[in-house]
């Protein structure tokens, strides 16, 4: 890795915030309403616990192996041969997640805006743009996200502000009608996003000030949870439980906006949020995938394999699902446990094994 390629802990926090929210803003309100009903706004608060836990796990692993990459300390923990097998499986897992994210983005764009554009064109275009960012390095990705985040937040605030007249406080009631079980069930889906904070593990070697990383990571998790709560509340107050039957409630909400008979059809704002959010998310996931693959192959630089990996990601995005409905069903059901296995269970197992090995080796 280039020694000059460094970011601050604050930049890392902004990058992770946008990565987690990149697709959550559009997808989570529907999935959480379907499970938690009127209490769906509580699900990010409960689900954020997963984010705080994964931030701590990433921090502890970095403390144990401060001079090693993720695949480097995976070998130290599991041994040379087992780590090769596990590392390959983990790379396939990352490829599948990347493919599903690209497909989700492409289906949204083609289904709502560019209806005559082939899916493969939209997918390949986004992957190519992300490939240029990944080749440029993590510092460029972080600076791009810093540039985008004010735009995304402004567009979100405008969307919420313009739908305030149509909101109804009665949609919040009855509160906890069926107890805490529905919000807890809904929070499992939210955890599928918050667990992605474990990707901080890949960013530790690039930090100028790693001693500040834990504080900024906690701020990032809290900010993401707060934003999700506000967005969920806005959708709930506008639509009530109807949001659970609409795939993209935020897009649907934008169609309510009409001011003075001339300011209407502002779906383009939502498309911009989706494009910028997906770019941020894909770029970080793509970067970690490329860095991990380079470590697994024992390459001196990840940049030489960025474009070939981009081809694999594009192909996976087409292969991963037959249609949008199938993909949405996967994300809201078994996909949640699939993601939690890779981003929660596996890192916690690594940390547990590393902790045991350290205790055994100490006199």
Protein backbone atom coordinates (compact mmCIF):
# COMPACT_ATOMS: atom_id res chain seq x y z
CA UNK A 1 0.00 0.00 0.00
CA UNK A 2 1.23 3.49 -0.80
CA UNK A 3 2.64 5.04 2.38
CA UNK A 4 1.30 8.46 1.32
CA UNK A 5 -2.23 7.11 1.07
CA UNK A 6 -3.65 8.29 4.37
CA UNK A 7 -6.91 9.65 5.73
CA UNK A 8 -7.90 11.08 9.10
CA UNK A 9 -10.20 9.39 11.59
CA UNK A 10 -12.80 12.09 10.92
CA UNK A 11 -12.68 11.29 7.19
CA UNK A 12 -13.08 7.62 8.05
CA UNK A 13 -16.18 8.44 10.12
CA UNK A 14 -17.74 10.42 7.26
CA UNK A 15 -16.90 7.66 4.78
CA UNK A 16 -18.48 4.97 6.96
CA UNK A 17 -21.54 7.14 7.64
CA UNK A 18 -22.20 7.58 3.94
CA UNK A 19 -21.37 3.93 3.18
CA UNK A 20 -23.96 2.64 5.65
CA UNK A 21 -26.61 5.18 4.67
CA UNK A 22 -25.92 4.88 0.94
CA UNK A 23 -28.64 2.32 0.31
CA UNK A 24 -30.32 2.19 3.74
CA UNK A 25 -32.24 5.44 3.24
CA UNK A 26 -34.25 4.04 0.35
CA UNK A 27 -34.52 0.37 1.34
CA UNK A 28 -34.90 0.25 5.13
CA UNK A 29 -38.22 2.08 5.66
CA UNK A 30 -40.12 -0.52 3.65
CA UNK A 31 -38.42 -3.58 5.15
CA UNK A 32 -38.64 -2.36 8.75
CA UNK A 33 -42.29 -1.27 8.44
CA UNK A 34 -43.21 -4.72 7.13
CA UNK A 35 -41.81 -6.28 10.33
CA UNK A 36 -42.23 -3.60 13.00
CA UNK A 37 -45.27 -1.67 11.80
CA UNK A 38 -45.71 1.72 13.48
CA UNK A 39 -42.71 1.08 15.71
CA UNK A 40 -40.31 0.87 12.77
CA UNK A 41 -38.63 4.13 13.82
CA UNK A 42 -37.24 2.30 16.87
CA UNK A 43 -35.40 -0.29 14.77
CA UNK A 44 -32.30 1.85 14.01
CA UNK A 45 -31.87 2.59 17.73
CA UNK A 46 -31.88 -1.13 18.57
CA UNK A 47 -29.90 -2.10 15.46
CA UNK A 48 -27.16 0.45 16.15
CA UNK A 49 -25.94 -1.75 19.02
CA UNK A 50 -24.53 -4.03 16.33
CA UNK A 51 -22.60 -1.10 14.86
CA UNK A 52 -21.04 -0.19 18.21
CA UNK A 53 -20.08 -3.84 18.80
CA UNK A 54 -18.42 -4.21 15.39
CA UNK A 55 -16.52 -0.95 15.85
CA UNK A 56 -15.16 -2.32 19.13
CA UNK A 57 -14.23 -5.68 17.53
CA UNK A 58 -12.37 -3.91 14.71
CA UNK A 59 -10.58 -1.73 17.27
CA UNK A 60 -9.50 -4.71 19.39
CA UNK A 61 -8.19 -6.65 16.40
CA UNK A 62 -6.18 -3.60 15.35
CA UNK A 63 -4.78 -3.34 18.89
CA UNK A 64 -3.70 -6.98 18.76
CA UNK A 65 -2.10 -6.63 15.31
CA UNK A 66 -1.39 -2.90 14.78
CA UNK A 67 1.02 -3.37 11.87
CA UNK A 68 -0.99 -5.91 9.87
CA UNK A 69 -3.82 -5.80 7.35
CA UNK A 70 -7.02 -7.81 7.79
CA UNK A 71 -5.75 -10.72 5.72
CA UNK A 72 -2.37 -10.39 7.45
CA UNK A 73 -3.74 -10.94 10.94
CA UNK A 74 -6.17 -13.52 9.63
CA UNK A 75 -3.08 -15.60 8.78
CA UNK A 76 -1.55 -14.91 12.20
CA UNK A 77 -4.74 -16.04 13.93
CA UNK A 78 -5.79 -19.03 11.80
CA UNK A 79 -2.50 -20.21 10.34
CA UNK A 80 -1.23 -20.10 6.77
CA UNK A 81 -3.35 -22.81 5.15
CA UNK A 82 -6.65 -22.36 6.98
CA UNK A 83 -6.45 -18.59 6.43
CA UNK A 84 -6.05 -19.16 2.68
CA UNK A 85 -9.26 -21.19 2.53
CA UNK A 86 -11.20 -18.87 4.84
CA UNK A 87 -9.84 -15.82 3.03
CA UNK A 88 -10.99 -17.16 -0.34
CA UNK A 89 -14.50 -17.81 1.02
CA UNK A 90 -14.57 -14.30 2.49
CA UNK A 91 -13.54 -12.81 -0.86
CA UNK A 92 -16.40 -14.68 -2.55
CA UNK A 93 -18.74 -13.32 0.12
CA UNK A 94 -17.55 -9.77 -0.59
CA UNK A 95 -17.95 -10.31 -4.33
CA UNK A 96 -21.52 -11.47 -3.80
CA UNK A 97 -22.35 -8.44 -1.63
CA UNK A 98 -20.83 -6.12 -4.23
CA UNK A 99 -22.80 -7.79 -7.02
CA UNK A 100 -26.06 -7.51 -5.07
CA UNK A 101 -25.42 -3.82 -4.31
CA UNK A 102 -24.70 -3.02 -7.97
CA UNK A 103 -27.82 -4.94 -9.03
CA UNK A 104 -29.97 -3.13 -6.48
CA UNK A 105 -28.69 0.23 -7.73
CA UNK A 106 -29.18 -0.72 -11.38
CA UNK A 107 -32.73 -2.01 -10.85
CA UNK A 108 -33.71 1.24 -9.14
CA UNK A 109 -32.26 3.42 -11.90
CA UNK A 110 -33.65 1.36 -14.79
CA UNK A 111 -37.03 0.71 -13.15
CA UNK A 112 -37.73 4.34 -12.23
CA UNK A 113 -35.75 6.58 -14.57
CA UNK A 114 -33.96 4.99 -17.54
CA UNK A 115 -36.51 2.37 -18.50
CA UNK A 116 -35.12 1.67 -21.97
CA UNK A 117 -31.49 1.41 -20.90
CA UNK A 118 -30.08 -2.14 -20.62
CA UNK A 119 -29.36 -3.15 -17.03
CA UNK A 120 -25.80 -4.18 -17.89
CA UNK A 121 -25.01 -0.67 -19.17
CA UNK A 122 -26.11 0.99 -15.92
CA UNK A 123 -24.25 -1.59 -13.82
CA UNK A 124 -21.03 -1.44 -15.84
CA UNK A 125 -21.06 2.38 -15.85
CA UNK A 126 -21.22 2.62 -12.06
CA UNK A 127 -18.59 -0.10 -11.57
CA UNK A 128 -16.25 1.69 -14.02
CA UNK A 129 -16.62 5.02 -12.20
CA UNK A 130 -15.96 3.29 -8.87
CA UNK A 131 -12.95 1.50 -10.39
CA UNK A 132 -11.32 4.84 -11.20
CA UNK A 133 -11.90 6.00 -7.63
CA UNK A 134 -10.50 2.76 -6.17
CA UNK A 135 -7.39 2.94 -8.37
CA UNK A 136 -6.87 6.51 -7.21
CA UNK A 137 -6.82 5.30 -3.61
CA UNK A 138 -8.67 5.56 -0.33
CA UNK A 139 -7.73 9.23 0.11
CA UNK A 140 -9.52 10.15 -3.12
CA UNK A 141 -12.57 8.07 -2.13
CA UNK A 142 -12.71 9.80 1.26
CA UNK A 143 -12.43 13.27 -0.31
CA UNK A 144 -15.18 12.46 -2.82
CA UNK A 145 -17.49 11.40 0.00
CA UNK A 146 -16.63 14.59 1.92
CA UNK A 147 -17.71 16.53 -1.15
CA UNK A 148 -20.93 14.53 -1.60
CA UNK A 149 -22.17 14.34 2.00
CA UNK A 150 -23.45 17.95 2.25
CA UNK A 151 -25.36 17.49 -1.02
CA UNK A 152 -26.96 14.23 0.16
CA UNK A 153 -27.94 15.66 3.55
CA UNK A 154 -29.34 18.85 1.99
CA UNK A 155 -31.47 16.85 -0.45
CA UNK A 156 -32.74 14.64 2.38
CA UNK A 157 -33.63 17.65 4.51
CA UNK A 158 -35.43 19.29 1.59
CA UNK A 159 -37.41 16.11 0.93
CA UNK A 160 -38.48 15.88 4.59
CA UNK A 161 -39.24 19.61 4.80
CA UNK A 162 -41.51 19.60 1.75
CA UNK A 163 -43.59 16.63 2.95
CA UNK A 164 -44.21 18.05 6.44
CA UNK A 165 -47.68 19.43 5.50
CA UNK A 166 -48.84 15.89 4.62
CA UNK A 167 -47.57 14.26 7.82
CA UNK A 168 -50.00 12.96 10.45
CA UNK A 169 -48.92 12.43 14.06
CA UNK A 170 -51.70 9.86 14.49
CA UNK A 171 -49.63 7.46 12.35
CA UNK A 172 -47.34 7.00 15.38
CA UNK A 173 -50.11 5.47 17.46
CA UNK A 174 -50.62 3.03 19.05
CA UNK A 175 -47.05 2.97 20.38
CA UNK A 176 -45.61 -0.53 20.96
CA UNK A 177 -49.01 -2.04 20.24
CA UNK A 178 -47.53 -5.56 20.05
CA UNK A 179 -44.67 -5.03 22.49
CA UNK A 180 -40.93 -4.94 21.79
CA UNK A 181 -40.80 -8.11 19.68
CA UNK A 182 -41.70 -6.49 16.30
CA UNK A 183 -39.08 -3.68 16.62
CA UNK A 184 -36.47 -6.25 17.65
CA UNK A 185 -37.32 -8.37 14.59
CA UNK A 186 -37.13 -5.28 12.40
CA UNK A 187 -33.78 -4.34 13.93
CA UNK A 188 -32.25 -7.55 12.53
CA UNK A 189 -32.57 -6.07 9.04
CA UNK A 190 -31.07 -2.78 10.24
CA UNK A 191 -28.15 -4.71 11.73
CA UNK A 192 -27.38 -5.89 8.20
CA UNK A 193 -26.35 -2.29 7.52
CA UNK A 194 -24.77 -1.42 10.87
CA UNK A 195 -22.54 -4.50 10.81
CA UNK A 196 -20.78 -2.94 7.81
CA UNK A 197 -18.91 -0.73 10.28
CA UNK A 198 -16.54 -3.67 10.64
CA UNK A 199 -14.99 -2.47 7.36
CA UNK A 200 -13.13 0.02 9.54
CA UNK A 201 -10.69 -2.87 9.96
CA UNK A 202 -9.47 -2.25 6.40
CA UNK A 203 -9.08 1.49 7.03
CA UNK A 204 -6.95 1.34 10.19
CA UNK A 205 -3.65 0.91 8.24
CA UNK A 206 -4.44 4.11 6.31
CA UNK A 207 -5.22 6.34 9.31
CA UNK A 208 -3.01 9.27 10.25
CA UNK A 209 -4.42 9.29 13.79
CA UNK A 210 -5.56 5.75 14.69
CA UNK A 211 -5.75 6.72 18.38
CA UNK A 212 -8.83 8.84 17.52
CA UNK A 213 -10.50 6.16 15.40
CA UNK A 214 -12.66 4.63 18.15
CA UNK A 215 -14.15 7.99 19.15
CA UNK A 216 -14.92 9.00 15.55
CA UNK A 217 -16.31 5.56 14.74
CA UNK A 218 -18.76 5.84 17.66
CA UNK A 219 -19.81 9.28 16.41
CA UNK A 220 -20.36 7.81 12.94
CA UNK A 221 -22.56 4.98 14.26
CA UNK A 222 -24.62 7.40 16.38
CA UNK A 223 -25.03 9.82 13.46
CA UNK A 224 -26.14 7.01 11.13
CA UNK A 225 -28.69 5.78 13.68
CA UNK A 226 -30.03 9.31 14.21
CA UNK A 227 -30.41 9.89 10.46
CA UNK A 228 -32.22 6.57 10.01
CA UNK A 229 -34.61 7.39 12.87
CA UNK A 230 -35.44 10.79 11.34
CA UNK A 231 -35.98 9.29 7.88
CA UNK A 232 -38.11 6.44 9.25
CA UNK A 233 -40.20 8.87 11.30
CA UNK A 234 -40.77 11.08 8.25
CA UNK A 235 -41.95 8.12 6.16
CA UNK A 236 -44.12 6.77 8.99
CA UNK A 237 -45.79 10.14 9.63
CA UNK A 238 -46.51 10.49 5.92
CA UNK A 239 -47.67 6.98 4.98
CA UNK A 240 -48.21 4.99 8.13
CA UNK A 241 -47.95 1.23 7.70
CA UNK A 242 -48.55 1.58 3.94
CA UNK A 243 -44.77 2.08 3.68
CA UNK A 244 -44.32 -1.67 4.26
CA UNK A 245 -46.00 -2.40 0.92
CA UNK A 246 -43.94 0.07 -1.13
CA UNK A 247 -40.42 -0.94 -2.17
CA UNK A 248 -39.02 2.62 -2.22
CA UNK A 249 -41.10 4.73 0.21
CA UNK A 250 -38.73 7.72 0.00
CA UNK A 251 -39.17 7.87 -3.77
CA UNK A 252 -42.93 7.57 -3.30
CA UNK A 253 -42.81 10.38 -0.72
CA UNK A 254 -40.99 12.68 -3.14
CA UNK A 255 -43.99 12.46 -5.46
CA UNK A 256 -46.10 14.16 -2.79
CA UNK A 257 -44.06 17.32 -3.19
CA UNK A 258 -45.85 20.06 -5.09
CA UNK A 259 -45.39 23.77 -4.44
CA UNK A 260 -47.35 26.51 -6.19
CA UNK A 261 -48.18 24.20 -9.12
CA UNK A 262 -44.70 24.53 -10.59
CA UNK A 263 -42.30 22.79 -8.17
CA UNK A 264 -43.18 19.14 -8.49
CA UNK A 265 -41.91 15.75 -9.76
CA UNK A 266 -38.70 16.07 -7.75
CA UNK A 267 -37.78 12.40 -8.05
CA UNK A 268 -34.46 13.56 -9.51
CA UNK A 269 -33.42 14.57 -5.97
CA UNK A 270 -33.94 10.99 -4.83
CA UNK A 271 -32.03 9.67 -7.83
CA UNK A 272 -29.10 11.93 -6.92
CA UNK A 273 -29.17 10.68 -3.31
CA UNK A 274 -29.19 7.09 -4.58
CA UNK A 275 -26.39 7.61 -7.11
CA UNK A 276 -24.08 9.46 -4.71
CA UNK A 277 -24.84 7.08 -1.85
CA UNK A 278 -24.28 4.00 -3.98
CA UNK A 279 -21.03 5.40 -5.36
CA UNK A 280 -19.73 5.94 -1.82
CA UNK A 281 -20.78 2.48 -0.66
CA UNK A 282 -19.53 0.63 -3.73
CA UNK A 283 -16.21 2.48 -3.76
CA UNK A 284 -15.40 1.47 -0.18
CA UNK A 285 -16.59 -2.12 -0.64
CA UNK A 286 -14.70 -2.33 -3.95
CA UNK A 287 -11.56 -0.94 -2.27
CA UNK A 288 -11.68 -3.46 0.60
CA UNK A 289 -12.33 -6.26 -1.90
CA UNK A 290 -9.33 -5.24 -4.02
CA UNK A 291 -7.03 -4.81 -1.01
CA UNK A 292 -8.13 -8.17 0.40
CA UNK A 293 -7.65 -9.94 -2.94
CA UNK A 294 -4.18 -8.41 -3.33
CA UNK A 295 -3.21 -9.56 0.18
CA UNK A 296 -4.57 -13.04 -0.51
CA UNK A 297 -2.57 -13.22 -3.76
CA UNK A 298 0.51 -11.70 -2.05
CA UNK A 299 0.66 -8.80 -4.53
CA UNK A 300 2.61 -5.65 -3.73
CA UNK A 301 -0.21 -3.38 -4.96
CA UNK A 302 -3.95 -3.83 -5.36
CA UNK A 303 -4.21 -1.38 -8.27
CA UNK A 304 -3.22 -3.90 -10.94
CA UNK A 305 -6.28 -6.07 -10.22
CA UNK A 306 -8.91 -3.33 -9.83
CA UNK A 307 -10.24 -3.49 -13.40
CA UNK A 308 -10.31 -7.34 -13.62
CA UNK A 309 -12.21 -7.40 -10.32
CA UNK A 310 -14.60 -4.82 -11.78
CA UNK A 311 -15.47 -7.25 -14.56
CA UNK A 312 -16.22 -9.93 -11.95
CA UNK A 313 -18.42 -7.51 -9.98
CA UNK A 314 -20.39 -6.56 -13.10
CA UNK A 315 -20.93 -10.20 -14.06
CA UNK A 316 -21.96 -11.04 -10.49
CA UNK A 317 -24.49 -8.19 -10.50
CA UNK A 318 -26.31 -9.80 -13.43
CA UNK A 319 -26.01 -13.36 -12.10
CA UNK A 320 -26.96 -12.62 -8.47
CA UNK A 321 -30.73 -12.41 -9.03
CA UNK A 322 -33.38 -12.99 -11.69
CA UNK A 323 -35.31 -9.81 -10.90
CA UNK A 324 -35.78 -7.01 -8.38
CA UNK A 325 -38.52 -8.81 -6.43
CA UNK A 326 -36.28 -11.82 -5.87
CA UNK A 327 -33.41 -9.60 -4.73
CA UNK A 328 -35.65 -7.57 -2.39
CA UNK A 329 -37.02 -10.79 -0.86
CA UNK A 330 -33.48 -12.08 -0.30
CA UNK A 331 -32.37 -8.82 1.37
CA UNK A 332 -35.36 -8.76 3.73
CA UNK A 333 -35.23 -12.47 4.69
CA UNK A 334 -32.26 -14.87 4.52
CA UNK A 335 -29.95 -12.17 3.18
CA UNK A 336 -29.92 -10.51 6.59
CA UNK A 337 -28.51 -13.60 8.31
CA UNK A 338 -26.13 -14.15 5.40
CA UNK A 339 -24.67 -10.65 5.81
CA UNK A 340 -24.56 -10.92 9.61
CA UNK A 341 -22.62 -14.18 9.31
CA UNK A 342 -19.91 -12.55 7.20
CA UNK A 343 -19.73 -9.17 8.92
CA UNK A 344 -20.56 -10.12 12.54
CA UNK A 345 -20.05 -13.81 13.31
CA UNK A 346 -16.78 -14.20 11.40
CA UNK A 347 -15.03 -11.08 12.83
CA UNK A 348 -16.17 -11.95 16.36
CA UNK A 349 -14.79 -15.48 15.93
CA UNK A 350 -11.48 -14.01 14.73
CA UNK A 351 -11.35 -11.74 17.77
CA UNK A 352 -12.27 -14.61 20.14
CA UNK A 353 -9.57 -16.91 18.71
CA UNK A 354 -7.01 -14.09 18.81
CA UNK A 355 -7.89 -13.36 22.45
CA UNK A 356 -7.52 -17.01 23.44
CA UNK A 357 -4.19 -17.33 21.61
CA UNK A 358 -2.84 -14.23 23.35
CA UNK A 359 -3.88 -15.49 26.79
CA UNK A 360 -2.39 -18.93 26.18
CA UNK A 361 0.89 -17.46 24.91
CA UNK A 362 1.25 -15.14 27.92
CA UNK A 363 3.29 -16.63 30.81
